[in-house]
Structures are given as C-alpha cells and as structure tokens.
Amino acid sequence: MSEPATTTRPSLMEIEEQLTGGETPLLLRRRVVTGLVVLFLLVVIAYWATSEYFGISYTIEAEPFRDWVDGFGILGPIVFVAVMALSVLFAPVPNAPIFMAAGLAWGPVLGTLYCMAGLVLGSAVAFWVARRFGRRHLPRLIGRRNAERIDTLVLEMGGRVVFWSRMIPAVNFDWISFVAGMTAIPFRVFIVYSALGMLFPTAVAVVAGDGLGRDARITLAAGGVWLGVIVASAAVYWRRRANGRRRNGGAP
C-alpha cells in the first residue's frame, strides 16, 4: 500500500526561483555582492582620506532645493506621492534616488512618510491590477502545480512572505506587488505587511538622502546598513541553495 504523498512548502527563495526561471537575482550574485562590498570600502577610504587630509566637504547645500520644494506648497507633497506611486507601477523606474530626494527635501520623518504614502498607494494599485487581470494567468506562467504551492504557502504563512520579501533589498518592491496580486493572499494582509516590510529599507534610503544635506557620514552609515542587509540576505540565499543542491545529490 503506497504512502500518501506529502506536500512540501516552498521557501521564499524557492518561490523566487520558480518565478524567475531559477536565475539568481542580480544583487544576490556572489560577484555583485563582493563588488559592492569592495566598492563601499573604497568609498569610505576615499571619503576619510580626502576629508581628513585635504579638508574636502561632501555636504550638499540643501536649503535652495528645500526652498524650491516649499514653493509648491501643499502641491509639492501631493505630486511627490503621485510620482512615488507611479514608480511602483512602472517597475523599471528605480526608487532609491526618489527616496534620497525626499530625505534631502523634507528630512527623515516627513520624507519617509511621503515615500511610504506613495509606496503603499502604488502597491495597492499594482496588487489590484494583477488580481483583476493577471490572477487567472498565473498557472500558465509558472505551471499549475507551482501556482497551487504558492497559494498554499501564502495562505499558511500569511504576511510573513510579503514582509520578508520587502525587507530584502535585492528583491524589487514592484515585482512583489504584482506577483502577490496573482496569488490567493488577502489584500488586507498584503497591504499591512507590505507597509511594515517597506518601512525599514525606505527609512534607511531617506536618511541617506537627508545626510547629504547634513553630514556625509550619515549617508555612508545608511549605505553600510543597506549593504549589510544585502550581504546577510545573500549569505542566507547561498546557504539555502547549497543545502538544496546537497539534498538533490548535486554539487554544493
């Protein structure tokens, strides 16, 4: 008598591999991570050497930019939130420069608030578009069995999948919004855990922008935090892939 088949829940990394054809995300590749670490160390050394021995200041005069933004009144934040939301819908638009501009214009608190408002709005619209028009196409894109496994995972693990996806800088925020809309995750769970997961990396980037107008060391420290999260995420990713290969009888 045959034993009943057991269903193995895929991990977050396995879901990403299924949806990206098994290709490692750019910011999780060993060469890229190594290059980022080396580049960051070189930037820190260059900053220390030039500021210590040549007295060069890297602080940007932010007041003219802030005065220009303030000149728009209430329209300024409204337009910014709209641009932030549109950047989510049009995935090729990078978010980091927008975060830093918000920090430079409004400081860490208001800058983070406006960025989060735009991100949550854009994520909600992206989720709705995918749920309305793309949900029925998910089995065709990744196969019926994989679609069922992902639905099972998001229903059992709930917002944890979304939260940790948002926390990893190597995973695109916009990509997650569209993919989540094609799964069975409830909207309220998606939007709450999305906001919680986006808050930390967004705040770090906004603080980096604010540091440009105050002290470049703040920007360097924020960049170090961002890089540290990438390195930690990559280490977990590499370990899980190595363990998976060993379980499958492949080379580690």
C-alpha atoms as a PDB file:
ATOM      1  CA  MET A   1       0.000   0.000   0.000  1.00  0.00           C
ATOM      2  CA  SER A   2       1.552   3.282  -1.095  1.00  0.00           C
ATOM      3  CA  GLU A   3       2.157   6.073   1.391  1.00  0.00           C
ATOM      4  CA  PRO A   4       0.184   9.264   0.921  1.00  0.00           C
ATOM      5  CA  ALA A   5       2.083  11.977  -0.864  1.00  0.00           C
ATOM      6  CA  THR A   6       3.246  14.825   1.282  1.00  0.00           C
ATOM      7  CA  THR A   7       3.305  18.411   0.134  1.00  0.00           C
ATOM      8  CA  THR A   8       6.492  20.323   0.817  1.00  0.00           C
ATOM      9  CA  ARG A   9       6.056  24.007   1.319  1.00  0.00           C
ATOM     10  CA  PRO A  10       8.438  26.034  -0.830  1.00  0.00           C
ATOM     11  CA  SER A  11      10.610  28.630   0.828  1.00  0.00           C
ATOM     12  CA  LEU A  12      10.688  32.271  -0.190  1.00  0.00           C
ATOM     13  CA  MET A  13      13.881  31.637  -2.142  1.00  0.00           C
ATOM     14  CA  GLU A  14      12.276  28.700  -3.963  1.00  0.00           C
ATOM     15  CA  ILE A  15       9.287  30.843  -4.930  1.00  0.00           C
ATOM     16  CA  GLU A  16      11.594  33.453  -6.378  1.00  0.00           C
ATOM     17  CA  GLU A  17      13.491  30.807  -8.327  1.00  0.00           C
ATOM     18  CA  GLN A  18      10.229  29.464  -9.755  1.00  0.00           C
ATOM     19  CA  LEU A  19       9.100  32.902 -10.868  1.00  0.00           C
ATOM     20  CA  THR A  20      12.491  33.957 -12.266  1.00  0.00           C
ATOM     21  CA  GLY A  21      13.300  30.694 -14.036  1.00  0.00           C
ATOM     22  CA  GLY A  22      15.911  29.710 -11.443  1.00  0.00           C
ATOM     23  CA  GLU A  23      18.078  32.753 -12.142  1.00  0.00           C
ATOM     24  CA  THR A  24      19.773  34.288  -9.106  1.00  0.00           C
ATOM     25  CA  PRO A  25      18.672  37.916  -8.502  1.00  0.00           C
ATOM     26  CA  LEU A  26      21.361  40.394  -9.522  1.00  0.00           C
ATOM     27  CA  LEU A  27      22.068  41.725  -6.021  1.00  0.00           C
ATOM     28  CA  LEU A  28      22.409  38.199  -4.611  1.00  0.00           C
ATOM     29  CA  ARG A  29      25.105  37.038  -7.022  1.00  0.00           C
ATOM     30  CA  ARG A  30      28.498  36.441  -5.419  1.00  0.00           C
ATOM     31  CA  ARG A  31      30.452  38.648  -7.803  1.00  0.00           C
ATOM     32  CA  VAL A  32      27.991  41.501  -7.432  1.00  0.00           C
ATOM     33  CA  VAL A  33      27.926  41.277  -3.626  1.00  0.00           C
ATOM     34  CA  THR A  34      31.720  41.126  -3.491  1.00  0.00           C
ATOM     35  CA  GLY A  35      31.963  44.073  -5.858  1.00  0.00           C
ATOM     36  CA  LEU A  36      29.534  46.117  -3.761  1.00  0.00           C
ATOM     37  CA  VAL A  37      31.494  45.419  -0.573  1.00  0.00           C
ATOM     38  CA  VAL A  38      34.794  46.369  -2.192  1.00  0.00           C
ATOM     39  CA  LEU A  39      33.284  49.490  -3.753  1.00  0.00           C
ATOM     40  CA  PHE A  40      31.776  50.601  -0.452  1.00  0.00           C
ATOM     41  CA  LEU A  41      35.081  50.116   1.373  1.00  0.00           C
ATOM     42  CA  LEU A  42      36.867  52.139  -1.317  1.00  0.00           C
ATOM     43  CA  VAL A  43      34.310  54.930  -0.992  1.00  0.00           C
ATOM     44  CA  VAL A  44      34.743  55.003   2.800  1.00  0.00           C
ATOM     45  CA  ILE A  45      38.525  55.094   2.468  1.00  0.00           C
ATOM     46  CA  ALA A  46      38.355  57.820  -0.186  1.00  0.00           C
ATOM     47  CA  TYR A  47      35.987  59.891   1.950  1.00  0.00           C
ATOM     48  CA  TRP A  48      38.181  59.551   5.026  1.00  0.00           C
ATOM     49  CA  ALA A  49      41.401  60.359   3.165  1.00  0.00           C
ATOM     50  CA  THR A  50      40.083  63.374   1.226  1.00  0.00           C
ATOM     51  CA  SER A  51      38.191  64.899   4.165  1.00  0.00           C
ATOM     52  CA  GLU A  52      40.955  64.238   6.692  1.00  0.00           C
ATOM     53  CA  TYR A  53      43.967  65.346   4.667  1.00  0.00           C
ATOM     54  CA  PHE A  54      42.508  67.737   2.095  1.00  0.00           C
ATOM     55  CA  GLY A  55      39.592  69.178   4.050  1.00  0.00           C
ATOM     56  CA  ILE A  56      37.091  68.411   1.280  1.00  0.00           C
ATOM     57  CA  SER A  57      33.435  68.655   2.344  1.00  0.00           C
ATOM     58  CA  TYR A  58      30.862  66.429   0.682  1.00  0.00           C
ATOM     59  CA  THR A  59      27.827  68.035   2.298  1.00  0.00           C
ATOM     60  CA  ILE A  60      25.319  69.408  -0.198  1.00  0.00           C
ATOM     61  CA  GLU A  61      23.729  72.817   0.368  1.00  0.00           C
ATOM     62  CA  ALA A  62      20.162  71.627   0.718  1.00  0.00           C
ATOM     63  CA  GLU A  63      18.420  74.914   1.512  1.00  0.00           C
ATOM     64  CA  PRO A  64      17.963  76.074  -2.124  1.00  0.00           C
ATOM     65  CA  PHE A  65      16.419  72.718  -3.019  1.00  0.00           C
ATOM     66  CA  ARG A  66      14.184  72.753   0.057  1.00  0.00           C
ATOM     67  CA  ASP A  67      13.093  76.324  -0.661  1.00  0.00           C
ATOM     68  CA  TRP A  68      12.239  75.317  -4.220  1.00  0.00           C
ATOM     69  CA  VAL A  69      10.162  72.374  -2.974  1.00  0.00           C
ATOM     70  CA  ASP A  70       8.438  74.531  -0.341  1.00  0.00           C
ATOM     71  CA  GLY A  71       7.483  76.952  -3.100  1.00  0.00           C
ATOM     72  CA  PHE A  72       4.944  74.434  -4.373  1.00  0.00           C
ATOM     73  CA  GLY A  73       3.119  74.430  -1.041  1.00  0.00           C
ATOM     74  CA  ILE A  74       0.795  71.504  -0.400  1.00  0.00           C
ATOM     75  CA  LEU A  75       1.013  70.598  -4.077  1.00  0.00           C
ATOM     76  CA  GLY A  76       4.645  69.506  -3.620  1.00  0.00           C
ATOM     77  CA  PRO A  77       3.971  66.504  -1.337  1.00  0.00           C
ATOM     78  CA  ILE A  78       0.883  65.542  -3.366  1.00  0.00           C
ATOM     79  CA  VAL A  79       2.849  65.456  -6.629  1.00  0.00           C
ATOM     80  CA  PHE A  80       5.677  63.575  -4.940  1.00  0.00           C
ATOM     81  CA  VAL A  81       3.338  60.898  -3.580  1.00  0.00           C
ATOM     82  CA  ALA A  82       1.827  60.517  -7.062  1.00  0.00           C
ATOM     83  CA  VAL A  83       5.295  60.166  -8.647  1.00  0.00           C
ATOM     84  CA  MET A  84       6.254  57.627  -5.979  1.00  0.00           C
ATOM     85  CA  ALA A  85       3.125  55.605  -6.703  1.00  0.00           C
ATOM     86  CA  LEU A  86       3.757  55.708 -10.455  1.00  0.00           C
ATOM     87  CA  SER A  87       7.321  54.466  -9.903  1.00  0.00           C
ATOM     88  CA  VAL A  88       5.808  51.330  -8.363  1.00  0.00           C
ATOM     89  CA  LEU A  89       3.541  50.748 -11.354  1.00  0.00           C
ATOM     90  CA  PHE A  90       6.374  51.259 -13.826  1.00  0.00           C
ATOM     91  CA  ALA A  91       8.901  48.818 -12.384  1.00  0.00           C
ATOM     92  CA  PRO A  92      11.992  49.935 -14.396  1.00  0.00           C
ATOM     93  CA  VAL A  93      11.952  53.270 -12.545  1.00  0.00           C
ATOM     94  CA  PRO A  94      14.444  52.978  -9.626  1.00  0.00           C
ATOM     95  CA  ASN A  95      13.091  54.035  -6.238  1.00  0.00           C
ATOM     96  CA  ALA A  96      16.317  54.772  -4.344  1.00  0.00           C
ATOM     97  CA  PRO A  97      17.003  58.210  -5.930  1.00  0.00           C
ATOM     98  CA  ILE A  98      13.416  59.238  -5.166  1.00  0.00           C
ATOM     99  CA  PHE A  99      13.830  58.163  -1.523  1.00  0.00           C
ATOM    100  CA  MET A 100      17.037  60.173  -1.201  1.00  0.00           C
ATOM    101  CA  ALA A 101      15.466  63.232  -2.814  1.00  0.00           C
ATOM    102  CA  ALA A 102      12.650  63.044  -0.258  1.00  0.00           C
ATOM    103  CA  GLY A 103      15.170  62.961   2.574  1.00  0.00           C
ATOM    104  CA  LEU A 104      17.005  65.944   1.133  1.00  0.00           C
ATOM    105  CA  ALA A 105      13.773  67.926   0.683  1.00  0.00           C
ATOM    106  CA  TRP A 106      11.769  67.112   3.827  1.00  0.00           C
ATOM    107  CA  GLY A 107      14.129  65.374   6.240  1.00  0.00           C
ATOM    108  CA  PRO A 108      13.933  61.815   7.614  1.00  0.00           C
ATOM    109  CA  VAL A 109      10.456  61.931   9.182  1.00  0.00           C
ATOM    110  CA  LEU A 110       8.319  63.685   6.559  1.00  0.00           C
ATOM    111  CA  GLY A 111      10.450  62.223   3.774  1.00  0.00           C
ATOM    112  CA  THR A 112       9.777  58.686   4.992  1.00  0.00           C
ATOM    113  CA  LEU A 113       6.082  59.481   5.494  1.00  0.00           C
ATOM    114  CA  TYR A 114       5.635  60.781   1.935  1.00  0.00           C
ATOM    115  CA  CYS A 115       7.607  57.881   0.449  1.00  0.00           C
ATOM    116  CA  MET A 116       5.554  55.346   2.365  1.00  0.00           C
ATOM    117  CA  ALA A 117       2.305  57.009   1.279  1.00  0.00           C
ATOM    118  CA  GLY A 118       3.339  56.734  -2.361  1.00  0.00           C
ATOM    119  CA  LEU A 119       4.635  53.189  -1.983  1.00  0.00           C
ATOM    120  CA  VAL A 120       1.506  51.937  -0.253  1.00  0.00           C
ATOM    121  CA  LEU A 121      -0.726  53.636  -2.835  1.00  0.00           C
ATOM    122  CA  GLY A 122       1.284  52.277  -5.762  1.00  0.00           C
ATOM    123  CA  SER A 123       1.488  48.799  -4.236  1.00  0.00           C
ATOM    124  CA  ALA A 124      -2.284  48.741  -3.723  1.00  0.00           C
ATOM    125  CA  VAL A 125      -2.922  49.711  -7.345  1.00  0.00           C
ATOM    126  CA  ALA A 126      -0.349  47.187  -8.640  1.00  0.00           C
ATOM    127  CA  PHE A 127      -1.932  44.470  -6.498  1.00  0.00           C
ATOM    128  CA  TRP A 128      -5.419  45.337  -7.794  1.00  0.00           C
ATOM    129  CA  VAL A 129      -4.262  45.322 -11.430  1.00  0.00           C
ATOM    130  CA  ALA A 130      -2.608  41.917 -11.028  1.00  0.00           C
ATOM    131  CA  ARG A 131      -5.581  40.500  -9.095  1.00  0.00           C
ATOM    132  CA  ARG A 132      -8.058  41.826 -11.656  1.00  0.00           C
ATOM    133  CA  PHE A 133      -6.250  40.920 -14.862  1.00  0.00           C
ATOM    134  CA  GLY A 134      -3.394  38.542 -14.063  1.00  0.00           C
ATOM    135  CA  ARG A 135      -4.638  36.104 -11.422  1.00  0.00           C
ATOM    136  CA  ARG A 136      -6.139  33.715 -13.941  1.00  0.00           C
ATOM    137  CA  HIS A 137      -2.882  33.642 -15.922  1.00  0.00           C
ATOM    138  CA  LEU A 138      -0.586  32.597 -13.035  1.00  0.00           C
ATOM    139  CA  PRO A 139      -0.888  28.812 -13.690  1.00  0.00           C
ATOM    140  CA  ARG A 140       0.093  29.437 -17.321  1.00  0.00           C
ATOM    141  CA  LEU A 141       3.142  31.435 -16.299  1.00  0.00           C
ATOM    142  CA  ILE A 142       4.661  29.082 -13.716  1.00  0.00           C
ATOM    143  CA  GLY A 143       2.606  25.887 -14.047  1.00  0.00           C
ATOM    144  CA  ARG A 144      -0.486  24.740 -12.201  1.00  0.00           C
ATOM    145  CA  ARG A 145       1.400  22.795  -9.521  1.00  0.00           C
ATOM    146  CA  ASN A 146       3.723  25.685  -8.692  1.00  0.00           C
ATOM    147  CA  ALA A 147       0.762  28.062  -8.591  1.00  0.00           C
ATOM    148  CA  GLU A 148      -1.003  25.790  -6.112  1.00  0.00           C
ATOM    149  CA  ARG A 149       2.119  25.520  -3.955  1.00  0.00           C
ATOM    150  CA  ILE A 150       2.497  29.301  -3.823  1.00  0.00           C
ATOM    151  CA  ASP A 151      -1.179  29.753  -2.950  1.00  0.00           C
ATOM    152  CA  THR A 152      -0.790  27.205  -0.154  1.00  0.00           C
ATOM    153  CA  LEU A 153       2.281  28.980   1.169  1.00  0.00           C
ATOM    154  CA  VAL A 154       0.781  32.467   1.232  1.00  0.00           C
ATOM    155  CA  LEU A 155      -2.393  31.180   2.866  1.00  0.00           C
ATOM    156  CA  GLU A 156      -0.476  29.270   5.576  1.00  0.00           C
ATOM    157  CA  MET A 157       2.314  31.766   6.195  1.00  0.00           C
ATOM    158  CA  GLY A 158       0.238  34.859   5.501  1.00  0.00           C
ATOM    159  CA  GLY A 159       2.031  38.186   5.569  1.00  0.00           C
ATOM    160  CA  ARG A 160       5.405  36.775   6.616  1.00  0.00           C
ATOM    161  CA  VAL A 161       6.238  36.018   2.987  1.00  0.00           C
ATOM    162  CA  VAL A 162       5.412  39.565   1.917  1.00  0.00           C
ATOM    163  CA  PHE A 163       7.159  41.126   4.910  1.00  0.00           C
ATOM    164  CA  TRP A 164      10.496  39.381   4.417  1.00  0.00           C
ATOM    165  CA  SER A 165      10.342  39.907   0.670  1.00  0.00           C
ATOM    166  CA  ARG A 166      10.032  43.638   1.285  1.00  0.00           C
ATOM    167  CA  MET A 167      12.905  43.601   3.754  1.00  0.00           C
ATOM    168  CA  ILE A 168      15.398  42.143   1.265  1.00  0.00           C
ATOM    169  CA  PRO A 169      16.930  44.996  -0.787  1.00  0.00           C
ATOM    170  CA  ALA A 170      17.772  42.568  -3.604  1.00  0.00           C
ATOM    171  CA  VAL A 171      14.084  41.931  -4.307  1.00  0.00           C
ATOM    172  CA  ASN A 172      12.226  44.608  -6.244  1.00  0.00           C
ATOM    173  CA  PHE A 173       9.279  46.137  -4.345  1.00  0.00           C
ATOM    174  CA  ASP A 174       7.205  46.497  -7.501  1.00  0.00           C
ATOM    175  CA  TRP A 175       7.758  42.884  -8.569  1.00  0.00           C
ATOM    176  CA  ILE A 176       6.357  41.683  -5.256  1.00  0.00           C
ATOM    177  CA  SER A 177       3.207  43.797  -5.572  1.00  0.00           C
ATOM    178  CA  PHE A 178       2.287  42.387  -8.962  1.00  0.00           C
ATOM    179  CA  VAL A 179       3.124  38.784  -8.052  1.00  0.00           C
ATOM    180  CA  ALA A 180       1.234  38.963  -4.752  1.00  0.00           C
ATOM    181  CA  GLY A 181      -1.833  40.131  -6.660  1.00  0.00           C
ATOM    182  CA  MET A 182      -1.722  36.915  -8.669  1.00  0.00           C
ATOM    183  CA  THR A 183      -1.745  34.738  -5.554  1.00  0.00           C
ATOM    184  CA  ALA A 184      -4.542  33.989  -3.098  1.00  0.00           C
ATOM    185  CA  ILE A 185      -3.242  36.279  -0.351  1.00  0.00           C
ATOM    186  CA  PRO A 186      -5.968  38.608   1.027  1.00  0.00           C
ATOM    187  CA  PHE A 187      -5.498  42.280   0.161  1.00  0.00           C
ATOM    188  CA  ARG A 188      -5.588  43.488   3.778  1.00  0.00           C
ATOM    189  CA  VAL A 189      -2.816  41.057   4.743  1.00  0.00           C
ATOM    190  CA  PHE A 190      -0.738  42.083   1.746  1.00  0.00           C
ATOM    191  CA  ILE A 191      -1.021  45.829   2.310  1.00  0.00           C
ATOM    192  CA  VAL A 192      -0.347  45.742   6.072  1.00  0.00           C
ATOM    193  CA  TYR A 193       2.713  43.501   5.841  1.00  0.00           C
ATOM    194  CA  SER A 194       3.938  45.338   2.757  1.00  0.00           C
ATOM    195  CA  ALA A 195       3.920  48.609   4.649  1.00  0.00           C
ATOM    196  CA  LEU A 196       5.697  47.063   7.639  1.00  0.00           C
ATOM    197  CA  GLY A 197       8.307  45.414   5.422  1.00  0.00           C
ATOM    198  CA  MET A 198       8.949  48.534   3.323  1.00  0.00           C
ATOM    199  CA  LEU A 199       9.326  50.880   6.286  1.00  0.00           C
ATOM    200  CA  PHE A 200      12.888  49.985   7.319  1.00  0.00           C
ATOM    201  CA  PRO A 201      14.617  49.950   3.891  1.00  0.00           C
ATOM    202  CA  THR A 202      12.712  53.071   2.845  1.00  0.00           C
ATOM    203  CA  ALA A 203      13.686  54.935   6.009  1.00  0.00           C
ATOM    204  CA  VAL A 204      17.339  53.956   5.519  1.00  0.00           C
ATOM    205  CA  ALA A 205      17.366  55.406   1.995  1.00  0.00           C
ATOM    206  CA  VAL A 206      15.574  58.580   3.124  1.00  0.00           C
ATOM    207  CA  VAL A 207      18.051  59.034   5.978  1.00  0.00           C
ATOM    208  CA  ALA A 208      20.868  58.628   3.430  1.00  0.00           C
ATOM    209  CA  GLY A 209      19.373  61.458   1.397  1.00  0.00           C
ATOM    210  CA  ASP A 210      18.928  63.634   4.468  1.00  0.00           C
ATOM    211  CA  GLY A 211      22.573  63.014   5.339  1.00  0.00           C
ATOM    212  CA  LEU A 212      23.656  64.607   2.068  1.00  0.00           C
ATOM    213  CA  GLY A 213      22.398  67.923   3.411  1.00  0.00           C
ATOM    214  CA  ARG A 214      23.770  67.476   6.943  1.00  0.00           C
ATOM    215  CA  ASP A 215      26.782  65.197   7.212  1.00  0.00           C
ATOM    216  CA  ALA A 216      28.053  62.782   4.571  1.00  0.00           C
ATOM    217  CA  ARG A 217      28.950  60.328   7.318  1.00  0.00           C
ATOM    218  CA  ILE A 218      25.229  59.807   7.913  1.00  0.00           C
ATOM    219  CA  THR A 219      24.840  58.836   4.261  1.00  0.00           C
ATOM    220  CA  LEU A 220      27.791  56.452   4.495  1.00  0.00           C
ATOM    221  CA  ALA A 221      26.369  54.853   7.640  1.00  0.00           C
ATOM    222  CA  ALA A 222      22.971  54.374   5.964  1.00  0.00           C
ATOM    223  CA  GLY A 223      24.713  52.872   2.934  1.00  0.00           C
ATOM    224  CA  GLY A 224      26.562  50.498   5.245  1.00  0.00           C
ATOM    225  CA  VAL A 225      23.288  49.354   6.806  1.00  0.00           C
ATOM    226  CA  TRP A 226      21.762  48.797   3.357  1.00  0.00           C
ATOM    227  CA  LEU A 227      24.828  46.835   2.233  1.00  0.00           C
ATOM    228  CA  GLY A 228      24.823  44.805   5.437  1.00  0.00           C
ATOM    229  CA  VAL A 229      21.248  43.666   4.814  1.00  0.00           C
ATOM    230  CA  ILE A 230      22.194  42.640   1.262  1.00  0.00           C
ATOM    231  CA  VAL A 231      25.205  40.644   2.498  1.00  0.00           C
ATOM    232  CA  ALA A 232      23.092  38.919   5.166  1.00  0.00           C
ATOM    233  CA  SER A 233      20.352  38.141   2.622  1.00  0.00           C
ATOM    234  CA  ALA A 234      22.917  36.786   0.165  1.00  0.00           C
ATOM    235  CA  ALA A 235      24.521  34.593   2.834  1.00  0.00           C
ATOM    236  CA  VAL A 236      21.150  33.039   3.670  1.00  0.00           C
ATOM    237  CA  TYR A 237      20.365  32.598  -0.021  1.00  0.00           C
ATOM    238  CA  TRP A 238      23.704  30.912  -0.782  1.00  0.00           C
ATOM    239  CA  ARG A 239      23.374  28.584   2.205  1.00  0.00           C
ATOM    240  CA  ARG A 240      19.862  27.509   1.227  1.00  0.00           C
ATOM    241  CA  ARG A 241      20.872  26.904  -2.364  1.00  0.00           C
ATOM    242  CA  ALA A 242      23.869  24.836  -1.232  1.00  0.00           C
ATOM    243  CA  ASN A 243      21.673  22.808   1.110  1.00  0.00           C
ATOM    244  CA  GLY A 244      19.134  22.281  -1.658  1.00  0.00           C
ATOM    245  CA  ARG A 245      21.807  21.028  -4.051  1.00  0.00           C
ATOM    246  CA  ARG A 246      23.157  18.622  -1.456  1.00  0.00           C
ATOM    247  CA  ARG A 247      19.658  17.247  -0.823  1.00  0.00           C
ATOM    248  CA  ASN A 248      19.223  16.773  -4.556  1.00  0.00           C
ATOM    249  CA  GLY A 249      22.560  14.994  -4.870  1.00  0.00           C
ATOM    250  CA  GLY A 250      24.240  17.850  -6.720  1.00  0.00           C
ATOM    251  CA  ALA A 251      27.451  19.659  -6.113  1.00  0.00           C
ATOM    252  CA  PRO A 252      27.374  22.072  -3.158  1.00  0.00           C
END
